[in-house]
Amino acid sequence: MADFSAFPITKKWAPRHPDRLQLYSLDTPNGVKVSIALEEIGLPYEVHRVSFDTNDQLSPEFLSLSPNNKIPAIIDPNGPGGKPLPLFESGAILMYLAEKTGQLIPQDPILRYQTLQWVMFQMGGIGPMFGQVGFFHKFAGKEIEDKRPRDRYVNESKRLLGVLDKHLENKTWMMGDQYTVADIAIFPWVRNLVGFYEAAELVGFKNFPNVQRVLNAFLRRPAVETGLTIPPRPSKS
């Protein structure tokens, strides 16, 4: 039985299954990366919803695990050396899960680092740029009369989609025939851009047929279908 006494977060979200990996998350593009990966791998886990509506992410308990107050975060009771491992940042968690299980990542060292480069491409480019498009197009930014900030992020998002589209020519997935954490990092954000952010027309999504093709294949995967709904949203009374 894992000893979670050193982790204050477990006082707010008490584990019912302390032998399982503990996931603290929300169904955002960054959050579902980890739930999708866990579903693909088949590793047992217990999910705890970190509600932004009640500022759970700013609570002392959550900050003790994720000091940047961002989801997702995990505690793996069976970390390296059999010790519990706390971890935040979705990209780091994806790489940890892949290396822990030997799944979703090539074993060849060269291909492994090439997979990692595309995870970093999402973390440093796609996530921040697509997120800014969402802010300026759908949320508070749409009230700003000066459209130059919005257009700056739209144009950069188009450029990034172009990079993806060219890379995906004649490829099934980001790493060719092998589905990896690179796909899991990237395509929840593409889905969010054209879906939740309603920016498909704004970024000219129809001009990126390879990205469309791979996004559709990604969304058809059973583990993706399930992972996108985790943690489940509260039922409306």
C-alpha atoms as a PDB file:
ATOM      1  CA  MET A   1       0.000   0.000   0.000  1.00  0.00           C
ATOM      2  CA  ALA A   2       1.432   3.352  -1.042  1.00  0.00           C
ATOM      3  CA  ASP A   3       2.098   5.929   1.650  1.00  0.00           C
ATOM      4  CA  PHE A   4       0.692   9.275   0.531  1.00  0.00           C
ATOM      5  CA  SER A   5       1.199  11.041   3.868  1.00  0.00           C
ATOM      6  CA  ALA A   6       3.925  13.239   2.365  1.00  0.00           C
ATOM      7  CA  PHE A   7       1.507  14.677  -0.220  1.00  0.00           C
ATOM      8  CA  PRO A   8      -0.881  17.361   1.077  1.00  0.00           C
ATOM      9  CA  ILE A   9      -2.986  17.095  -2.086  1.00  0.00           C
ATOM     10  CA  THR A  10      -4.341  13.769  -0.856  1.00  0.00           C
ATOM     11  CA  LYS A  11      -5.998  15.573   2.052  1.00  0.00           C
ATOM     12  CA  LYS A  12      -8.228  17.451  -0.395  1.00  0.00           C
ATOM     13  CA  TRP A  13      -8.637  14.573  -2.841  1.00  0.00           C
ATOM     14  CA  ALA A  14      -8.418  11.390  -0.788  1.00  0.00           C
ATOM     15  CA  PRO A  15      -7.491   8.375  -2.924  1.00  0.00           C
ATOM     16  CA  ARG A  16     -10.005   5.564  -2.941  1.00  0.00           C
ATOM     17  CA  HIS A  17      -7.497   3.312  -4.700  1.00  0.00           C
ATOM     18  CA  PRO A  18      -4.064   4.283  -3.349  1.00  0.00           C
ATOM     19  CA  ASP A  19      -2.408   1.484  -5.310  1.00  0.00           C
ATOM     20  CA  ARG A  20      -3.312   3.236  -8.584  1.00  0.00           C
ATOM     21  CA  LEU A  21      -1.744   6.219 -10.285  1.00  0.00           C
ATOM     22  CA  GLN A  22      -3.501   9.383  -9.088  1.00  0.00           C
ATOM     23  CA  LEU A  23      -4.457  11.868 -11.836  1.00  0.00           C
ATOM     24  CA  TYR A  24      -5.467  15.441 -11.009  1.00  0.00           C
ATOM     25  CA  SER A  25      -6.933  16.965 -14.127  1.00  0.00           C
ATOM     26  CA  LEU A  26      -9.696  18.553 -16.181  1.00  0.00           C
ATOM     27  CA  ASP A  27     -10.963  17.829 -19.707  1.00  0.00           C
ATOM     28  CA  THR A  28      -8.886  20.544 -21.383  1.00  0.00           C
ATOM     29  CA  PRO A  29      -6.424  19.848 -24.236  1.00  0.00           C
ATOM     30  CA  ASN A  30      -3.544  19.527 -21.774  1.00  0.00           C
ATOM     31  CA  GLY A  31      -5.569  17.476 -19.325  1.00  0.00           C
ATOM     32  CA  VAL A  32      -6.862  14.923 -21.810  1.00  0.00           C
ATOM     33  CA  LYS A  33      -3.357  14.227 -23.113  1.00  0.00           C
ATOM     34  CA  VAL A  34      -2.693  12.242 -19.953  1.00  0.00           C
ATOM     35  CA  SER A  35      -6.085  10.525 -19.705  1.00  0.00           C
ATOM     36  CA  ILE A  36      -5.779   9.466 -23.366  1.00  0.00           C
ATOM     37  CA  ALA A  37      -2.271   8.130 -22.777  1.00  0.00           C
ATOM     38  CA  LEU A  38      -3.417   6.204 -19.708  1.00  0.00           C
ATOM     39  CA  GLU A  39      -6.344   4.734 -21.638  1.00  0.00           C
ATOM     40  CA  GLU A  40      -4.052   3.738 -24.516  1.00  0.00           C
ATOM     41  CA  ILE A  41      -1.534   2.138 -22.169  1.00  0.00           C
ATOM     42  CA  GLY A  42      -4.099   0.440 -19.943  1.00  0.00           C
ATOM     43  CA  LEU A  43      -2.406   1.525 -16.714  1.00  0.00           C
ATOM     44  CA  PRO A  44      -4.835   1.601 -13.764  1.00  0.00           C
ATOM     45  CA  TYR A  45      -5.479   5.123 -12.489  1.00  0.00           C
ATOM     46  CA  GLU A  46      -7.807   7.153 -10.331  1.00  0.00           C
ATOM     47  CA  VAL A  47      -8.915  10.562 -11.529  1.00  0.00           C
ATOM     48  CA  HIS A  48      -9.662  13.655  -9.434  1.00  0.00           C
ATOM     49  CA  ARG A  49     -11.386  16.625 -11.023  1.00  0.00           C
ATOM     50  CA  VAL A  50      -9.634  19.947 -10.415  1.00  0.00           C
ATOM     51  CA  SER A  51     -12.472  22.409 -10.880  1.00  0.00           C
ATOM     52  CA  PHE A  52     -11.561  25.830 -12.238  1.00  0.00           C
ATOM     53  CA  ASP A  53     -15.062  26.990 -11.319  1.00  0.00           C
ATOM     54  CA  THR A  54     -14.143  26.754  -7.644  1.00  0.00           C
ATOM     55  CA  ASN A  55     -10.454  27.682  -8.111  1.00  0.00           C
ATOM     56  CA  ASP A  56      -9.248  24.250  -7.053  1.00  0.00           C
ATOM     57  CA  GLN A  57      -6.074  24.919  -9.043  1.00  0.00           C
ATOM     58  CA  LEU A  58      -5.194  27.741  -6.624  1.00  0.00           C
ATOM     59  CA  SER A  59      -5.724  25.721  -3.472  1.00  0.00           C
ATOM     60  CA  PRO A  60      -2.683  25.090  -1.249  1.00  0.00           C
ATOM     61  CA  GLU A  61      -3.182  21.359  -1.666  1.00  0.00           C
ATOM     62  CA  PHE A  62      -3.026  21.499  -5.466  1.00  0.00           C
ATOM     63  CA  LEU A  63      -0.136  23.958  -5.452  1.00  0.00           C
ATOM     64  CA  SER A  64       1.826  21.537  -3.284  1.00  0.00           C
ATOM     65  CA  LEU A  65       1.872  19.180  -6.277  1.00  0.00           C
ATOM     66  CA  SER A  66       1.713  21.633  -9.183  1.00  0.00           C
ATOM     67  CA  PRO A  67       3.348  24.916  -8.137  1.00  0.00           C
ATOM     68  CA  ASN A  68       2.498  26.557 -11.467  1.00  0.00           C
ATOM     69  CA  ASN A  69      -1.217  25.931 -10.693  1.00  0.00           C
ATOM     70  CA  LYS A  70      -1.748  24.115 -14.001  1.00  0.00           C
ATOM     71  CA  ILE A  71      -3.334  20.769 -14.726  1.00  0.00           C
ATOM     72  CA  PRO A  72      -2.624  17.931 -15.180  1.00  0.00           C
ATOM     73  CA  ALA A  73      -0.507  16.511 -12.390  1.00  0.00           C
ATOM     74  CA  ILE A  74       0.010  12.976 -11.144  1.00  0.00           C
ATOM     75  CA  ILE A  75       1.304  10.932  -8.266  1.00  0.00           C
ATOM     76  CA  ASP A  76       2.466   7.491  -9.309  1.00  0.00           C
ATOM     77  CA  PRO A  77       2.621   5.286  -6.197  1.00  0.00           C
ATOM     78  CA  ASN A  78       4.888   2.918  -8.119  1.00  0.00           C
ATOM     79  CA  GLY A  79       7.512   5.347  -9.369  1.00  0.00           C
ATOM     80  CA  PRO A  80      11.213   4.694  -9.945  1.00  0.00           C
ATOM     81  CA  GLY A  81      12.692   2.516  -7.224  1.00  0.00           C
ATOM     82  CA  GLY A  82       9.205   1.670  -6.004  1.00  0.00           C
ATOM     83  CA  LYS A  83       8.801   5.150  -4.492  1.00  0.00           C
ATOM     84  CA  PRO A  84       5.869   7.514  -5.146  1.00  0.00           C
ATOM     85  CA  LEU A  85       6.616  10.005  -7.917  1.00  0.00           C
ATOM     86  CA  PRO A  86       4.855  13.406  -8.028  1.00  0.00           C
ATOM     87  CA  LEU A  87       4.933  15.050 -11.456  1.00  0.00           C
ATOM     88  CA  PHE A  88       3.385  18.045 -13.210  1.00  0.00           C
ATOM     89  CA  GLU A  89       3.508  19.391 -16.813  1.00  0.00           C
ATOM     90  CA  SER A  90       1.668  17.300 -19.397  1.00  0.00           C
ATOM     91  CA  GLY A  91       4.663  16.800 -21.679  1.00  0.00           C
ATOM     92  CA  ALA A  92       6.808  15.470 -18.857  1.00  0.00           C
ATOM     93  CA  ILE A  93       3.996  13.172 -17.742  1.00  0.00           C
ATOM     94  CA  LEU A  94       3.542  11.801 -21.272  1.00  0.00           C
ATOM     95  CA  MET A  95       7.228  11.005 -21.567  1.00  0.00           C
ATOM     96  CA  TYR A  96       7.293   9.419 -18.111  1.00  0.00           C
ATOM     97  CA  LEU A  97       4.328   7.162 -18.861  1.00  0.00           C
ATOM     98  CA  ALA A  98       5.791   6.131 -22.204  1.00  0.00           C
ATOM     99  CA  GLU A  99       9.167   5.283 -20.708  1.00  0.00           C
ATOM    100  CA  LYS A 100       7.654   3.572 -17.665  1.00  0.00           C
ATOM    101  CA  THR A 101       5.596   1.202 -19.785  1.00  0.00           C
ATOM    102  CA  GLY A 102       7.638   1.010 -22.994  1.00  0.00           C
ATOM    103  CA  GLN A 103       4.546   2.021 -24.929  1.00  0.00           C
ATOM    104  CA  LEU A 104       3.713   4.956 -27.217  1.00  0.00           C
ATOM    105  CA  ILE A 105       7.376   5.682 -27.925  1.00  0.00           C
ATOM    106  CA  PRO A 106       9.880   4.106 -30.309  1.00  0.00           C
ATOM    107  CA  GLN A 107      12.606   1.991 -28.764  1.00  0.00           C
ATOM    108  CA  ASP A 108      15.180   3.153 -31.292  1.00  0.00           C
ATOM    109  CA  PRO A 109      17.090   6.054 -29.644  1.00  0.00           C
ATOM    110  CA  ILE A 110      17.038   8.229 -32.764  1.00  0.00           C
ATOM    111  CA  LEU A 111      13.283   7.814 -33.239  1.00  0.00           C
ATOM    112  CA  ARG A 112      12.750   8.349 -29.522  1.00  0.00           C
ATOM    113  CA  TYR A 113      14.406  11.766 -29.642  1.00  0.00           C
ATOM    114  CA  GLN A 114      12.546  12.635 -32.829  1.00  0.00           C
ATOM    115  CA  THR A 115       9.294  11.814 -31.019  1.00  0.00           C
ATOM    116  CA  LEU A 116      10.376  14.034 -28.159  1.00  0.00           C
ATOM    117  CA  GLN A 117      11.044  16.928 -30.539  1.00  0.00           C
ATOM    118  CA  TRP A 118       7.411  16.862 -31.700  1.00  0.00           C
ATOM    119  CA  VAL A 119       6.158  16.784 -28.108  1.00  0.00           C
ATOM    120  CA  MET A 120       8.273  19.900 -27.500  1.00  0.00           C
ATOM    121  CA  PHE A 121       6.882  21.409 -30.729  1.00  0.00           C
ATOM    122  CA  GLN A 122       3.428  21.153 -29.217  1.00  0.00           C
ATOM    123  CA  MET A 123       4.467  22.411 -25.798  1.00  0.00           C
ATOM    124  CA  GLY A 124       6.390  25.414 -27.090  1.00  0.00           C
ATOM    125  CA  GLY A 125       4.358  26.299 -30.181  1.00  0.00           C
ATOM    126  CA  ILE A 126       0.975  24.745 -30.777  1.00  0.00           C
ATOM    127  CA  GLY A 127      -0.337  24.965 -27.212  1.00  0.00           C
ATOM    128  CA  PRO A 128       0.576  28.609 -26.543  1.00  0.00           C
ATOM    129  CA  MET A 129      -0.363  29.867 -30.026  1.00  0.00           C
ATOM    130  CA  PHE A 130      -3.648  28.002 -30.347  1.00  0.00           C
ATOM    131  CA  GLY A 131      -4.541  29.054 -26.809  1.00  0.00           C
ATOM    132  CA  GLN A 132      -4.030  32.707 -27.675  1.00  0.00           C
ATOM    133  CA  VAL A 133      -6.242  32.321 -30.738  1.00  0.00           C
ATOM    134  CA  GLY A 134      -8.918  30.950 -28.433  1.00  0.00           C
ATOM    135  CA  PHE A 135      -8.553  33.915 -26.085  1.00  0.00           C
ATOM    136  CA  PHE A 136      -8.727  36.572 -28.786  1.00  0.00           C
ATOM    137  CA  HIS A 137     -11.354  34.845 -30.942  1.00  0.00           C
ATOM    138  CA  LYS A 138     -13.771  33.281 -28.460  1.00  0.00           C
ATOM    139  CA  PHE A 139     -13.173  34.769 -25.050  1.00  0.00           C
ATOM    140  CA  ALA A 140     -12.353  38.181 -23.571  1.00  0.00           C
ATOM    141  CA  GLY A 141      -9.995  39.144 -26.370  1.00  0.00           C
ATOM    142  CA  LYS A 142     -12.816  39.419 -28.887  1.00  0.00           C
ATOM    143  CA  GLU A 143     -13.847  42.685 -27.221  1.00  0.00           C
ATOM    144  CA  ILE A 144     -10.523  44.299 -28.163  1.00  0.00           C
ATOM    145  CA  GLU A 145     -11.074  46.538 -31.182  1.00  0.00           C
ATOM    146  CA  ASP A 146      -7.467  46.350 -32.354  1.00  0.00           C
ATOM    147  CA  LYS A 147      -7.294  43.014 -34.210  1.00  0.00           C
ATOM    148  CA  ARG A 148      -3.518  43.001 -34.588  1.00  0.00           C
ATOM    149  CA  PRO A 149      -2.917  40.799 -31.522  1.00  0.00           C
ATOM    150  CA  ARG A 150      -5.509  38.284 -32.729  1.00  0.00           C
ATOM    151  CA  ASP A 151      -4.107  38.281 -36.244  1.00  0.00           C
ATOM    152  CA  ARG A 152      -0.593  37.770 -34.925  1.00  0.00           C
ATOM    153  CA  TYR A 153      -1.618  34.519 -33.251  1.00  0.00           C
ATOM    154  CA  VAL A 154      -3.860  33.452 -36.125  1.00  0.00           C
ATOM    155  CA  ASN A 155      -1.001  33.824 -38.597  1.00  0.00           C
ATOM    156  CA  GLU A 156       1.385  31.913 -36.357  1.00  0.00           C
ATOM    157  CA  SER A 157      -1.211  29.165 -35.912  1.00  0.00           C
ATOM    158  CA  LYS A 158      -1.571  28.910 -39.681  1.00  0.00           C
ATOM    159  CA  ARG A 159       2.200  28.592 -39.973  1.00  0.00           C
ATOM    160  CA  LEU A 160       2.283  25.823 -37.367  1.00  0.00           C
ATOM    161  CA  LEU A 161      -0.544  23.966 -39.101  1.00  0.00           C
ATOM    162  CA  GLY A 162       1.448  24.248 -42.307  1.00  0.00           C
ATOM    163  CA  VAL A 163       4.466  22.682 -40.596  1.00  0.00           C
ATOM    164  CA  LEU A 164       2.262  19.821 -39.411  1.00  0.00           C
ATOM    165  CA  ASP A 165       0.577  19.368 -42.770  1.00  0.00           C
ATOM    166  CA  LYS A 166       3.857  19.124 -44.649  1.00  0.00           C
ATOM    167  CA  HIS A 167       5.318  16.729 -42.093  1.00  0.00           C
ATOM    168  CA  LEU A 168       2.255  14.452 -42.307  1.00  0.00           C
ATOM    169  CA  GLU A 169       2.463  13.959 -46.084  1.00  0.00           C
ATOM    170  CA  ASN A 170       2.436  10.200 -46.728  1.00  0.00           C
ATOM    171  CA  LYS A 171       2.454   9.489 -42.982  1.00  0.00           C
ATOM    172  CA  THR A 172      -0.185   7.755 -40.889  1.00  0.00           C
ATOM    173  CA  TRP A 173       0.939   9.456 -37.677  1.00  0.00           C
ATOM    174  CA  MET A 174       3.543  11.983 -36.605  1.00  0.00           C
ATOM    175  CA  MET A 175       6.196   9.252 -36.455  1.00  0.00           C
ATOM    176  CA  GLY A 176       5.059   7.449 -39.588  1.00  0.00           C
ATOM    177  CA  ASP A 177       3.289   4.141 -38.963  1.00  0.00           C
ATOM    178  CA  GLN A 178       3.788   4.236 -35.182  1.00  0.00           C
ATOM    179  CA  TYR A 179       1.271   6.055 -33.005  1.00  0.00           C
ATOM    180  CA  THR A 180       3.105   7.837 -30.186  1.00  0.00           C
ATOM    181  CA  VAL A 181       2.923  10.429 -27.452  1.00  0.00           C
ATOM    182  CA  ALA A 182       3.624  13.027 -30.160  1.00  0.00           C
ATOM    183  CA  ASP A 183       0.151  12.420 -31.590  1.00  0.00           C
ATOM    184  CA  ILE A 184      -1.385  12.481 -28.123  1.00  0.00           C
ATOM    185  CA  ALA A 185       0.308  15.806 -27.391  1.00  0.00           C
ATOM    186  CA  ILE A 186      -0.659  17.515 -30.653  1.00  0.00           C
ATOM    187  CA  PHE A 187      -4.116  16.461 -31.746  1.00  0.00           C
ATOM    188  CA  PRO A 188      -6.184  17.399 -28.665  1.00  0.00           C
ATOM    189  CA  TRP A 189      -5.010  20.957 -29.348  1.00  0.00           C
ATOM    190  CA  VAL A 190      -5.902  20.767 -33.039  1.00  0.00           C
ATOM    191  CA  ARG A 191      -9.336  19.460 -32.045  1.00  0.00           C
ATOM    192  CA  ASN A 192      -9.761  22.313 -29.586  1.00  0.00           C
ATOM    193  CA  LEU A 193      -8.732  24.953 -32.119  1.00  0.00           C
ATOM    194  CA  VAL A 194     -11.317  23.971 -34.715  1.00  0.00           C
ATOM    195  CA  GLY A 195     -13.943  22.720 -32.268  1.00  0.00           C
ATOM    196  CA  PHE A 196     -14.200  24.454 -28.912  1.00  0.00           C
ATOM    197  CA  TYR A 197     -12.460  27.633 -30.106  1.00  0.00           C
ATOM    198  CA  GLU A 198     -14.549  27.635 -33.317  1.00  0.00           C
ATOM    199  CA  ALA A 199     -11.554  28.912 -35.281  1.00  0.00           C
ATOM    200  CA  ALA A 200     -11.543  26.527 -38.272  1.00  0.00           C
ATOM    201  CA  GLU A 201     -12.554  29.210 -40.751  1.00  0.00           C
ATOM    202  CA  LEU A 202     -10.322  31.805 -39.108  1.00  0.00           C
ATOM    203  CA  VAL A 203      -7.187  29.681 -39.583  1.00  0.00           C
ATOM    204  CA  GLY A 204      -8.244  28.238 -42.946  1.00  0.00           C
ATOM    205  CA  PHE A 205      -8.330  24.681 -41.633  1.00  0.00           C
ATOM    206  CA  LYS A 206      -9.594  23.353 -44.972  1.00  0.00           C
ATOM    207  CA  ASN A 207      -6.168  24.179 -46.409  1.00  0.00           C
ATOM    208  CA  PHE A 208      -4.484  21.516 -44.265  1.00  0.00           C
ATOM    209  CA  PRO A 209      -5.847  18.181 -45.550  1.00  0.00           C
ATOM    210  CA  ASN A 210      -3.174  16.011 -43.939  1.00  0.00           C
ATOM    211  CA  VAL A 211      -3.848  17.524 -40.519  1.00  0.00           C
ATOM    212  CA  GLN A 212      -7.577  16.942 -41.043  1.00  0.00           C
ATOM    213  CA  ARG A 213      -6.988  13.333 -42.065  1.00  0.00           C
ATOM    214  CA  VAL A 214      -4.844  12.477 -39.043  1.00  0.00           C
ATOM    215  CA  LEU A 215      -7.111  14.367 -36.644  1.00  0.00           C
ATOM    216  CA  ASN A 216     -10.064  12.287 -37.847  1.00  0.00           C
ATOM    217  CA  ALA A 217      -8.088   9.061 -37.416  1.00  0.00           C
ATOM    218  CA  PHE A 218      -7.028  10.174 -33.932  1.00  0.00           C
ATOM    219  CA  LEU A 219     -10.601  10.880 -32.880  1.00  0.00           C
ATOM    220  CA  ARG A 220     -11.738   7.422 -34.022  1.00  0.00           C
ATOM    221  CA  ARG A 221      -9.452   5.640 -31.563  1.00  0.00           C
ATOM    222  CA  PRO A 222     -11.469   4.110 -28.674  1.00  0.00           C
ATOM    223  CA  ALA A 223      -8.931   5.255 -26.070  1.00  0.00           C
ATOM    224  CA  VAL A 224      -9.174   8.799 -27.416  1.00  0.00           C
ATOM    225  CA  GLU A 225     -12.965   8.739 -27.318  1.00  0.00           C
ATOM    226  CA  THR A 226     -12.821   7.717 -23.657  1.00  0.00           C
ATOM    227  CA  GLY A 227      -9.889   9.927 -22.662  1.00  0.00           C
ATOM    228  CA  LEU A 228     -11.562  13.046 -24.017  1.00  0.00           C
ATOM    229  CA  THR A 229     -14.335  12.645 -21.429  1.00  0.00           C
ATOM    230  CA  ILE A 230     -12.011  12.287 -18.398  1.00  0.00           C
ATOM    231  CA  PRO A 231     -12.478  13.577 -15.839  1.00  0.00           C
ATOM    232  CA  PRO A 232     -16.225  13.518 -16.460  1.00  0.00           C
ATOM    233  CA  ARG A 233     -18.096  16.780 -16.203  1.00  0.00           C
ATOM    234  CA  PRO A 234     -20.535  17.117 -13.278  1.00  0.00           C
ATOM    235  CA  SER A 235     -24.083  16.216 -14.199  1.00  0.00           C
ATOM    236  CA  LYS A 236     -26.471  19.149 -14.350  1.00  0.00           C
ATOM    237  CA  SER A 237     -29.263  18.945 -11.837  1.00  0.00           C
END
